[in-house]
PDB file of N, CA and C in Angstrom:
ATOM      1  N   MET A   1      49.363  66.051 -76.528  1.00  0.00           N
ATOM      2  CA  MET A   1      48.838  64.863 -75.936  1.00  0.00           C
ATOM      3  C   MET A   1      49.555  64.533 -74.887  1.00  0.00           C
ATOM      4  N   ILE A   2      49.122  64.423 -73.608  1.00  0.00           N
ATOM      5  CA  ILE A   2      49.691  64.031 -72.383  1.00  0.00           C
ATOM      6  C   ILE A   2      49.781  62.541 -72.282  1.00  0.00           C
ATOM      7  N   HIS A   3      50.950  62.016 -71.933  1.00  0.00           N
ATOM      8  CA  HIS A   3      51.141  60.657 -71.970  1.00  0.00           C
ATOM      9  C   HIS A   3      50.156  60.072 -70.885  1.00  0.00           C
ATOM     10  N   ALA A   4      49.493  58.891 -71.293  1.00  0.00           N
ATOM     11  CA  ALA A   4      48.452  58.374 -70.438  1.00  0.00           C
ATOM     12  C   ALA A   4      49.040  57.360 -69.285  1.00  0.00           C
ATOM     13  N   GLU A   5      50.253  56.878 -69.628  1.00  0.00           N
ATOM     14  CA  GLU A   5      50.771  56.066 -68.647  1.00  0.00           C
ATOM     15  C   GLU A   5      52.119  56.482 -68.113  1.00  0.00           C
ATOM     16  N   PRO A   6      52.675  56.299 -66.827  1.00  0.00           N
ATOM     17  CA  PRO A   6      53.901  56.800 -66.413  1.00  0.00           C
ATOM     18  C   PRO A   6      54.902  56.218 -67.286  1.00  0.00           C
ATOM     19  N   HIS A   7      56.137  56.801 -67.339  1.00  0.00           N
ATOM     20  CA  HIS A   7      57.390  56.434 -68.060  1.00  0.00           C
ATOM     21  C   HIS A   7      57.624  54.841 -67.444  1.00  0.00           C
ATOM     22  N   PRO A   8      58.232  54.039 -68.111  1.00  0.00           N
ATOM     23  CA  PRO A   8      58.591  52.769 -67.657  1.00  0.00           C
ATOM     24  C   PRO A   8      59.564  52.799 -66.662  1.00  0.00           C
ATOM     25  N   LEU A   9      60.425  53.536 -66.762  1.00  0.00           N
ATOM     26  CA  LEU A   9      61.456  53.620 -65.604  1.00  0.00           C
ATOM     27  C   LEU A   9      61.161  54.817 -64.771  1.00  0.00           C
ATOM     28  N   ALA A  10      59.964  55.193 -64.423  1.00  0.00           N
ATOM     29  CA  ALA A  10      59.710  56.085 -63.622  1.00  0.00           C
ATOM     30  C   ALA A  10      60.030  55.773 -62.065  1.00  0.00           C
ATOM     31  N   GLY A  11      60.757  56.531 -61.218  1.00  0.00           N
ATOM     32  CA  GLY A  11      61.035  56.105 -59.852  1.00  0.00           C
ATOM     33  C   GLY A  11      62.570  55.502 -60.037  1.00  0.00           C
ATOM     34  N   LYS A  12      63.176  55.170 -60.983  1.00  0.00           N
ATOM     35  CA  LYS A  12      64.492  54.354 -61.031  1.00  0.00           C
ATOM     36  C   LYS A  12      65.529  55.507 -61.569  1.00  0.00           C
ATOM     37  N   THR A  13      66.766  55.121 -61.289  1.00  0.00           N
ATOM     38  CA  THR A  13      67.870  55.959 -61.595  1.00  0.00           C
ATOM     39  C   THR A  13      68.475  55.185 -62.856  1.00  0.00           C
ATOM     40  N   VAL A  14      68.807  55.923 -63.775  1.00  0.00           N
ATOM     41  CA  VAL A  14      69.596  55.339 -64.945  1.00  0.00           C
ATOM     42  C   VAL A  14      70.765  56.169 -65.201  1.00  0.00           C
ATOM     43  N   THR A  15      71.760  55.850 -65.861  1.00  0.00           N
ATOM     44  CA  THR A  15      72.949  56.436 -66.307  1.00  0.00           C
ATOM     45  C   THR A  15      72.863  56.954 -67.680  1.00  0.00           C
ATOM     46  N   LEU A  16      73.089  58.310 -67.844  1.00  0.00           N
ATOM     47  CA  LEU A  16      72.602  58.887 -69.183  1.00  0.00           C
ATOM     48  C   LEU A  16      73.813  58.497 -70.155  1.00  0.00           C
ATOM     49  N   ASN A  17      73.195  58.228 -71.408  1.00  0.00           N
ATOM     50  CA  ASN A  17      74.200  57.658 -72.416  1.00  0.00           C
ATOM     51  C   ASN A  17      74.909  58.893 -73.236  1.00  0.00           C
ATOM     52  N   ASP A  18      75.605  58.487 -74.163  1.00  0.00           N
ATOM     53  CA  ASP A  18      76.384  59.139 -75.044  1.00  0.00           C
ATOM     54  C   ASP A  18      75.374  60.419 -75.828  1.00  0.00           C
ATOM     55  N   ASN A  19      74.324  60.361 -75.783  1.00  0.00           N
ATOM     56  CA  ASN A  19      73.381  61.332 -76.531  1.00  0.00           C
ATOM     57  C   ASN A  19      73.188  62.548 -75.625  1.00  0.00           C
ATOM     58  N   ALA A  20      73.644  62.245 -74.271  1.00  0.00           N
ATOM     59  CA  ALA A  20      73.398  63.322 -73.397  1.00  0.00           C
ATOM     60  C   ALA A  20      74.403  64.546 -73.608  1.00  0.00           C
ATOM     61  N   LYS A  21      74.024  65.751 -73.878  1.00  0.00           N
ATOM     62  CA  LYS A  21      75.107  66.844 -74.134  1.00  0.00           C
ATOM     63  C   LYS A  21      74.532  68.164 -73.420  1.00  0.00           C
ATOM     64  N   ASP A  22      75.435  68.936 -72.717  1.00  0.00           N
ATOM     65  CA  ASP A  22      75.028  70.103 -72.121  1.00  0.00           C
ATOM     66  C   ASP A  22      76.278  71.117 -72.227  1.00  0.00           C
ATOM     67  N   PRO A  23      76.218  71.895 -73.445  1.00  0.00           N
ATOM     68  CA  PRO A  23      77.315  72.601 -73.720  1.00  0.00           C
ATOM     69  C   PRO A  23      77.508  73.901 -72.892  1.00  0.00           C
ATOM     70  N   VAL A  24      76.313  74.196 -72.448  1.00  0.00           N
ATOM     71  CA  VAL A  24      76.463  75.244 -71.541  1.00  0.00           C
ATOM     72  C   VAL A  24      76.859  75.143 -70.098  1.00  0.00           C
ATOM     73  N   ARG A  25      76.184  74.236 -69.369  1.00  0.00           N
ATOM     74  CA  ARG A  25      76.328  74.163 -68.019  1.00  0.00           C
ATOM     75  C   ARG A  25      77.264  72.919 -67.744  1.00  0.00           C
ATOM     76  N   GLY A  26      77.245  71.863 -68.478  1.00  0.00           N
ATOM     77  CA  GLY A  26      77.929  70.665 -68.366  1.00  0.00           C
ATOM     78  C   GLY A  26      77.400  69.755 -67.194  1.00  0.00           C
ATOM     79  N   ILE A  27      76.217  69.789 -67.121  1.00  0.00           N
ATOM     80  CA  ILE A  27      75.497  68.946 -65.972  1.00  0.00           C
ATOM     81  C   ILE A  27      74.866  67.678 -66.592  1.00  0.00           C
ATOM     82  N   VAL A  28      74.050  67.855 -67.665  1.00  0.00           N
ATOM     83  CA  VAL A  28      73.465  66.705 -68.294  1.00  0.00           C
ATOM     84  C   VAL A  28      74.318  66.098 -69.382  1.00  0.00           C
ATOM     85  N   MET A  29      75.226  65.158 -68.672  1.00  0.00           N
ATOM     86  CA  MET A  29      76.425  64.620 -69.604  1.00  0.00           C
ATOM     87  C   MET A  29      76.371  62.997 -69.540  1.00  0.00           C
ATOM     88  N   PRO A  30      77.000  62.366 -70.519  1.00  0.00           N
ATOM     89  CA  PRO A  30      77.087  61.011 -70.523  1.00  0.00           C
ATOM     90  C   PRO A  30      77.743  60.386 -69.058  1.00  0.00           C
ATOM     91  N   GLY A  31      77.193  59.481 -68.405  1.00  0.00           N
ATOM     92  CA  GLY A  31      77.684  58.894 -67.328  1.00  0.00           C
ATOM     93  C   GLY A  31      76.957  59.342 -65.997  1.00  0.00           C
ATOM     94  N   GLU A  32      76.379  60.462 -66.169  1.00  0.00           N
ATOM     95  CA  GLU A  32      75.713  61.145 -64.980  1.00  0.00           C
ATOM     96  C   GLU A  32      74.516  60.200 -64.632  1.00  0.00           C
ATOM     97  N   GLN A  33      74.173  60.061 -63.248  1.00  0.00           N
ATOM     98  CA  GLN A  33      73.072  59.442 -62.644  1.00  0.00           C
ATOM     99  C   GLN A  33      71.936  60.359 -62.612  1.00  0.00           C
ATOM    100  N   PHE A  34      70.984  59.787 -63.247  1.00  0.00           N
ATOM    101  CA  PHE A  34      69.566  60.679 -63.251  1.00  0.00           C
ATOM    102  C   PHE A  34      68.429  59.696 -62.777  1.00  0.00           C
ATOM    103  N   ARG A  35      67.838  60.416 -61.927  1.00  0.00           N
ATOM    104  CA  ARG A  35      66.640  59.825 -61.198  1.00  0.00           C
ATOM    105  C   ARG A  35      65.376  60.247 -61.819  1.00  0.00           C
ATOM    106  N   ILE A  36      64.665  59.256 -62.474  1.00  0.00           N
ATOM    107  CA  ILE A  36      63.507  59.634 -63.236  1.00  0.00           C
ATOM    108  C   ILE A  36      62.299  59.919 -62.280  1.00  0.00           C
ATOM    109  N   GLU A  37      61.527  60.953 -62.450  1.00  0.00           N
ATOM    110  CA  GLU A  37      60.235  61.039 -61.950  1.00  0.00           C
ATOM    111  C   GLU A  37      59.192  60.481 -62.745  1.00  0.00           C
ATOM    112  N   ASP A  38      59.067  61.234 -63.963  1.00  0.00           N
ATOM    113  CA  ASP A  38      57.993  60.827 -64.891  1.00  0.00           C
ATOM    114  C   ASP A  38      58.174  61.612 -65.994  1.00  0.00           C
ATOM    115  N   TYR A  39      57.176  61.205 -67.174  1.00  0.00           N
ATOM    116  CA  TYR A  39      57.157  62.183 -68.245  1.00  0.00           C
ATOM    117  C   TYR A  39      56.682  63.655 -67.719  1.00  0.00           C
ATOM    118  N   TRP A  40      57.446  64.597 -68.223  1.00  0.00           N
ATOM    119  CA  TRP A  40      57.210  66.054 -68.101  1.00  0.00           C
ATOM    120  C   TRP A  40      55.725  66.392 -68.075  1.00  0.00           C
ATOM    121  N   ASP A  41      55.040  66.017 -69.104  1.00  0.00           N
ATOM    122  CA  ASP A  41      53.796  66.339 -69.480  1.00  0.00           C
ATOM    123  C   ASP A  41      52.650  65.834 -68.432  1.00  0.00           C
ATOM    124  N   ARG A  42      52.968  64.574 -67.817  1.00  0.00           N
ATOM    125  CA  ARG A  42      52.305  64.100 -66.788  1.00  0.00           C
ATOM    126  C   ARG A  42      52.366  64.848 -65.521  1.00  0.00           C
ATOM    127  N   LEU A  43      53.472  65.049 -65.313  1.00  0.00           N
ATOM    128  CA  LEU A  43      53.691  65.912 -63.948  1.00  0.00           C
ATOM    129  C   LEU A  43      53.301  67.421 -63.997  1.00  0.00           C
ATOM    130  N   MET A  44      53.275  67.950 -65.040  1.00  0.00           N
ATOM    131  CA  MET A  44      52.830  69.366 -65.197  1.00  0.00           C
ATOM    132  C   MET A  44      51.508  69.756 -65.863  1.00  0.00           C
ATOM    133  N   GLY A  45      51.099  68.469 -66.568  1.00  0.00           N
ATOM    134  CA  GLY A  45      49.794  68.839 -67.252  1.00  0.00           C
ATOM    135  C   GLY A  45      49.851  69.505 -68.593  1.00  0.00           C
ATOM    136  N   LYS A  46      51.030  69.557 -69.077  1.00  0.00           N
ATOM    137  CA  LYS A  46      51.062  70.245 -70.432  1.00  0.00           C
ATOM    138  C   LYS A  46      52.606  70.039 -70.967  1.00  0.00           C
ATOM    139  N   SER A  47      52.813  70.318 -72.247  1.00  0.00           N
ATOM    140  CA  SER A  47      54.194  70.260 -72.702  1.00  0.00           C
ATOM    141  C   SER A  47      55.294  71.146 -72.164  1.00  0.00           C
ATOM    142  N   TRP A  48      56.570  70.738 -72.175  1.00  0.00           N
ATOM    143  CA  TRP A  48      57.556  71.454 -71.688  1.00  0.00           C
ATOM    144  C   TRP A  48      57.723  72.764 -72.508  1.00  0.00           C
ATOM    145  N   GLY A  49      57.351  72.738 -73.727  1.00  0.00           N
ATOM    146  CA  GLY A  49      57.520  73.910 -74.805  1.00  0.00           C
ATOM    147  C   GLY A  49      56.605  75.067 -74.313  1.00  0.00           C
ATOM    148  N   VAL A  50      55.597  74.698 -73.548  1.00  0.00           N
ATOM    149  CA  VAL A  50      54.678  75.982 -73.151  1.00  0.00           C
ATOM    150  C   VAL A  50      54.780  76.335 -71.620  1.00  0.00           C
ATOM    151  N   CYS A  51      55.867  75.854 -71.048  1.00  0.00           N
ATOM    152  CA  CYS A  51      56.009  76.249 -69.544  1.00  0.00           C
ATOM    153  C   CYS A  51      56.877  77.405 -69.650  1.00  0.00           C
ATOM    154  N   ASP A  52      56.449  78.530 -70.067  1.00  0.00           N
ATOM    155  CA  ASP A  52      57.268  79.862 -69.979  1.00  0.00           C
ATOM    156  C   ASP A  52      57.890  80.092 -68.742  1.00  0.00           C
ATOM    157  N   GLY A  53      59.048  80.304 -68.568  1.00  0.00           N
ATOM    158  CA  GLY A  53      59.677  80.821 -67.434  1.00  0.00           C
ATOM    159  C   GLY A  53      60.082  79.749 -66.496  1.00  0.00           C
ATOM    160  N   ASN A  54      59.770  78.318 -66.835  1.00  0.00           N
ATOM    161  CA  ASN A  54      60.336  77.345 -65.873  1.00  0.00           C
ATOM    162  C   ASN A  54      61.747  77.037 -66.325  1.00  0.00           C
ATOM    163  N   PRO A  55      62.507  77.087 -65.076  1.00  0.00           N
ATOM    164  CA  PRO A  55      63.973  76.744 -65.617  1.00  0.00           C
ATOM    165  C   PRO A  55      64.522  75.570 -66.223  1.00  0.00           C
ATOM    166  N   ALA A  56      63.768  74.587 -65.690  1.00  0.00           N
ATOM    167  CA  ALA A  56      64.148  73.119 -66.336  1.00  0.00           C
ATOM    168  C   ALA A  56      63.750  73.070 -67.777  1.00  0.00           C
ATOM    169  N   ALA A  57      62.380  73.738 -68.141  1.00  0.00           N
ATOM    170  CA  ALA A  57      62.016  73.885 -69.571  1.00  0.00           C
ATOM    171  C   ALA A  57      63.058  74.640 -70.422  1.00  0.00           C
ATOM    172  N   LEU A  58      63.408  75.886 -69.815  1.00  0.00           N
ATOM    173  CA  LEU A  58      64.276  76.736 -70.450  1.00  0.00           C
ATOM    174  C   LEU A  58      65.638  76.134 -70.794  1.00  0.00           C
ATOM    175  N   GLN A  59      66.039  75.416 -69.721  1.00  0.00           N
ATOM    176  CA  GLN A  59      67.510  74.738 -69.851  1.00  0.00           C
ATOM    177  C   GLN A  59      67.301  73.817 -71.003  1.00  0.00           C
ATOM    178  N   TYR A  60      66.104  72.992 -70.977  1.00  0.00           N
ATOM    179  CA  TYR A  60      65.940  71.922 -72.015  1.00  0.00           C
ATOM    180  C   TYR A  60      66.028  72.602 -73.484  1.00  0.00           C
ATOM    181  N   ALA A  61      65.199  73.585 -73.624  1.00  0.00           N
ATOM    182  CA  ALA A  61      65.108  74.387 -74.819  1.00  0.00           C
ATOM    183  C   ALA A  61      66.563  74.822 -75.420  1.00  0.00           C
ATOM    184  N   LEU A  62      67.295  75.265 -74.508  1.00  0.00           N
ATOM    185  CA  LEU A  62      68.690  75.734 -74.819  1.00  0.00           C
ATOM    186  C   LEU A  62      69.386  74.587 -75.349  1.00  0.00           C
ATOM    187  N   ARG A  63      69.603  73.333 -74.516  1.00  0.00           N
ATOM    188  CA  ARG A  63      70.224  72.342 -74.790  1.00  0.00           C
ATOM    189  C   ARG A  63      69.759  71.665 -76.231  1.00  0.00           C
ATOM    190  N   ALA A  64      68.500  71.607 -76.401  1.00  0.00           N
ATOM    191  CA  ALA A  64      67.975  71.177 -77.557  1.00  0.00           C
ATOM    192  C   ALA A  64      68.490  71.859 -78.858  1.00  0.00           C
ATOM    193  N   GLY A  65      68.229  73.233 -78.780  1.00  0.00           N
ATOM    194  CA  GLY A  65      68.575  74.076 -79.728  1.00  0.00           C
ATOM    195  C   GLY A  65      70.142  74.187 -80.145  1.00  0.00           C
ATOM    196  N   MET A  66      70.980  73.890 -79.209  1.00  0.00           N
ATOM    197  CA  MET A  66      72.357  73.775 -79.455  1.00  0.00           C
ATOM    198  C   MET A  66      72.986  72.416 -79.843  1.00  0.00           C
ATOM    199  N   THR A  67      72.196  71.293 -79.469  1.00  0.00           N
ATOM    200  CA  THR A  67      72.773  70.104 -79.786  1.00  0.00           C
ATOM    201  C   THR A  67      71.852  69.367 -80.563  1.00  0.00           C
ATOM    202  N   GLY A  68      70.671  69.838 -81.031  1.00  0.00           N
ATOM    203  CA  GLY A  68      69.789  69.236 -82.131  1.00  0.00           C
ATOM    204  C   GLY A  68      68.938  67.946 -81.386  1.00  0.00           C
ATOM    205  N   LEU A  69      68.891  68.146 -79.817  1.00  0.00           N
ATOM    206  CA  LEU A  69      67.822  67.205 -79.479  1.00  0.00           C
ATOM    207  C   LEU A  69      66.362  67.241 -80.019  1.00  0.00           C
ATOM    208  N   PRO A  70      65.602  66.250 -79.903  1.00  0.00           N
ATOM    209  CA  PRO A  70      64.213  66.418 -80.527  1.00  0.00           C
ATOM    210  C   PRO A  70      63.517  67.395 -79.487  1.00  0.00           C
ATOM    211  N   VAL A  71      62.471  68.134 -80.218  1.00  0.00           N
ATOM    212  CA  VAL A  71      61.796  68.964 -79.321  1.00  0.00           C
ATOM    213  C   VAL A  71      60.309  68.614 -79.122  1.00  0.00           C
ATOM    214  N   ASP A  72      60.141  67.267 -79.220  1.00  0.00           N
ATOM    215  CA  ASP A  72      58.695  66.546 -79.151  1.00  0.00           C
ATOM    216  C   ASP A  72      58.571  66.420 -77.431  1.00  0.00           C
ATOM    217  N   ASP A  73      57.554  65.605 -77.181  1.00  0.00           N
ATOM    218  CA  ASP A  73      57.203  65.524 -75.756  1.00  0.00           C
ATOM    219  C   ASP A  73      57.644  64.324 -75.245  1.00  0.00           C
ATOM    220  N   GLU A  74      58.558  63.592 -75.860  1.00  0.00           N
ATOM    221  CA  GLU A  74      59.237  62.370 -75.211  1.00  0.00           C
ATOM    222  C   GLU A  74      60.269  62.870 -74.222  1.00  0.00           C
ATOM    223  N   VAL A  75      60.011  63.453 -73.194  1.00  0.00           N
ATOM    224  CA  VAL A  75      60.954  64.277 -72.144  1.00  0.00           C
ATOM    225  C   VAL A  75      60.431  63.947 -70.982  1.00  0.00           C
ATOM    226  N   VAL A  76      61.568  63.480 -70.042  1.00  0.00           N
ATOM    227  CA  VAL A  76      61.120  62.966 -68.641  1.00  0.00           C
ATOM    228  C   VAL A  76      61.815  63.989 -67.858  1.00  0.00           C
ATOM    229  N   TYR A  77      61.176  64.169 -66.640  1.00  0.00           N
ATOM    230  CA  TYR A  77      61.645  65.100 -65.530  1.00  0.00           C
ATOM    231  C   TYR A  77      62.307  64.229 -64.501  1.00  0.00           C
ATOM    232  N   GLY A  78      63.542  64.662 -64.025  1.00  0.00           N
ATOM    233  CA  GLY A  78      64.200  63.818 -63.061  1.00  0.00           C
ATOM    234  C   GLY A  78      65.218  64.775 -62.390  1.00  0.00           C
ATOM    235  N   LYS A  79      66.167  64.090 -61.547  1.00  0.00           N
ATOM    236  CA  LYS A  79      67.107  64.834 -61.015  1.00  0.00           C
ATOM    237  C   LYS A  79      68.571  64.146 -61.114  1.00  0.00           C
ATOM    238  N   ILE A  80      69.502  65.135 -61.270  1.00  0.00           N
ATOM    239  CA  ILE A  80      70.926  64.782 -61.109  1.00  0.00           C
ATOM    240  C   ILE A  80      71.238  65.524 -59.743  1.00  0.00           C
ATOM    241  N   GLY A  81      71.590  64.747 -58.730  1.00  0.00           N
ATOM    242  CA  GLY A  81      71.950  65.237 -57.382  1.00  0.00           C
ATOM    243  C   GLY A  81      70.514  65.760 -56.975  1.00  0.00           C
ATOM    244  N   ALA A  82      70.601  67.063 -56.581  1.00  0.00           N
ATOM    245  CA  ALA A  82      69.483  67.783 -55.845  1.00  0.00           C
ATOM    246  C   ALA A  82      68.671  68.492 -56.860  1.00  0.00           C
ATOM    247  N   PHE A  83      69.035  68.582 -58.111  1.00  0.00           N
ATOM    248  CA  PHE A  83      68.538  69.423 -59.124  1.00  0.00           C
ATOM    249  C   PHE A  83      67.829  68.945 -60.200  1.00  0.00           C
ATOM    250  N   GLY A  84      66.584  69.442 -60.486  1.00  0.00           N
ATOM    251  CA  GLY A  84      65.772  68.992 -61.645  1.00  0.00           C
ATOM    252  C   GLY A  84      66.063  69.289 -62.960  1.00  0.00           C
ATOM    253  N   HIS A  85      66.022  68.333 -63.797  1.00  0.00           N
ATOM    254  CA  HIS A  85      66.316  68.627 -65.283  1.00  0.00           C
ATOM    255  C   HIS A  85      65.364  67.925 -66.165  1.00  0.00           C
ATOM    256  N   LEU A  86      65.172  68.388 -67.439  1.00  0.00           N
ATOM    257  CA  LEU A  86      64.536  67.628 -68.413  1.00  0.00           C
ATOM    258  C   LEU A  86      65.597  66.891 -69.435  1.00  0.00           C
ATOM    259  N   VAL A  87      65.142  65.738 -69.507  1.00  0.00           N
ATOM    260  CA  VAL A  87      66.109  64.769 -70.336  1.00  0.00           C
ATOM    261  C   VAL A  87      65.086  64.068 -71.546  1.00  0.00           C
ATOM    262  N   HIS A  88      65.564  64.060 -72.562  1.00  0.00           N
ATOM    263  CA  HIS A  88      64.959  63.357 -73.571  1.00  0.00           C
ATOM    264  C   HIS A  88      64.982  61.838 -73.699  1.00  0.00           C
ATOM    265  N   VAL A  89      64.153  61.080 -73.913  1.00  0.00           N
ATOM    266  CA  VAL A  89      64.192  59.724 -73.690  1.00  0.00           C
ATOM    267  C   VAL A  89      65.434  59.028 -74.467  1.00  0.00           C
ATOM    268  N   SER A  90      65.837  59.741 -75.692  1.00  0.00           N
ATOM    269  CA  SER A  90      66.962  59.308 -76.398  1.00  0.00           C
ATOM    270  C   SER A  90      68.182  59.373 -75.633  1.00  0.00           C
ATOM    271  N   GLU A  91      68.337  60.017 -74.427  1.00  0.00           N
ATOM    272  CA  GLU A  91      69.516  60.226 -73.581  1.00  0.00           C
ATOM    273  C   GLU A  91      69.484  59.272 -72.400  1.00  0.00           C
ATOM    274  N   LEU A  92      68.547  58.634 -72.360  1.00  0.00           N
ATOM    275  CA  LEU A  92      68.367  57.548 -71.193  1.00  0.00           C
ATOM    276  C   LEU A  92      69.374  56.203 -71.432  1.00  0.00           C
ATOM    277  N   GLY A  93      70.134  55.954 -70.486  1.00  0.00           N
ATOM    278  CA  GLY A  93      71.002  54.692 -70.739  1.00  0.00           C
ATOM    279  C   GLY A  93      70.334  53.628 -69.701  1.00  0.00           C
ATOM    280  N   GLU A  94      71.048  52.641 -69.370  1.00  0.00           N
ATOM    281  CA  GLU A  94      70.896  51.574 -68.453  1.00  0.00           C
ATOM    282  C   GLU A  94      70.437  51.921 -67.119  1.00  0.00           C
ATOM    283  N   VAL A  95      69.538  51.100 -66.364  1.00  0.00           N
ATOM    284  CA  VAL A  95      69.308  51.400 -65.105  1.00  0.00           C
ATOM    285  C   VAL A  95      70.620  51.233 -64.175  1.00  0.00           C
ATOM    286  N   ALA A  96      70.834  52.112 -63.470  1.00  0.00           N
ATOM    287  CA  ALA A  96      72.073  52.195 -62.711  1.00  0.00           C
ATOM    288  C   ALA A  96      71.952  50.961 -61.541  1.00  0.00           C
TER     289      ALA A  96
END
C-alpha cells in the first residue's frame, strides 16, 4: 500500500542516528546529513522491493540483508551529498 500522505520530514535534512549502518559502502552511517524527499513508494508508485535494477533499491536490499533493517515500506528516499539513498525511518534522527 502506498503512503497516502508525505513523510512528515519531507523536504528537511536530518542527522542519521545510530541505527544507520552501511557495511559495504560506508555512506549511510550515523551522523551523516540526509535530505529527505519523501516515502519511496510515493515517489515511485510502488514498493522499493519490486524496483528491479534500481541502484538505490538494490543498495537498501543489501544493507537490510546485512544489518537486519526492516524490509517493510517504511522507507524514505533522500540524498547524502549529491547521491540518492533509501533509508528506513528507524534510521532517521533529529532535524539538522
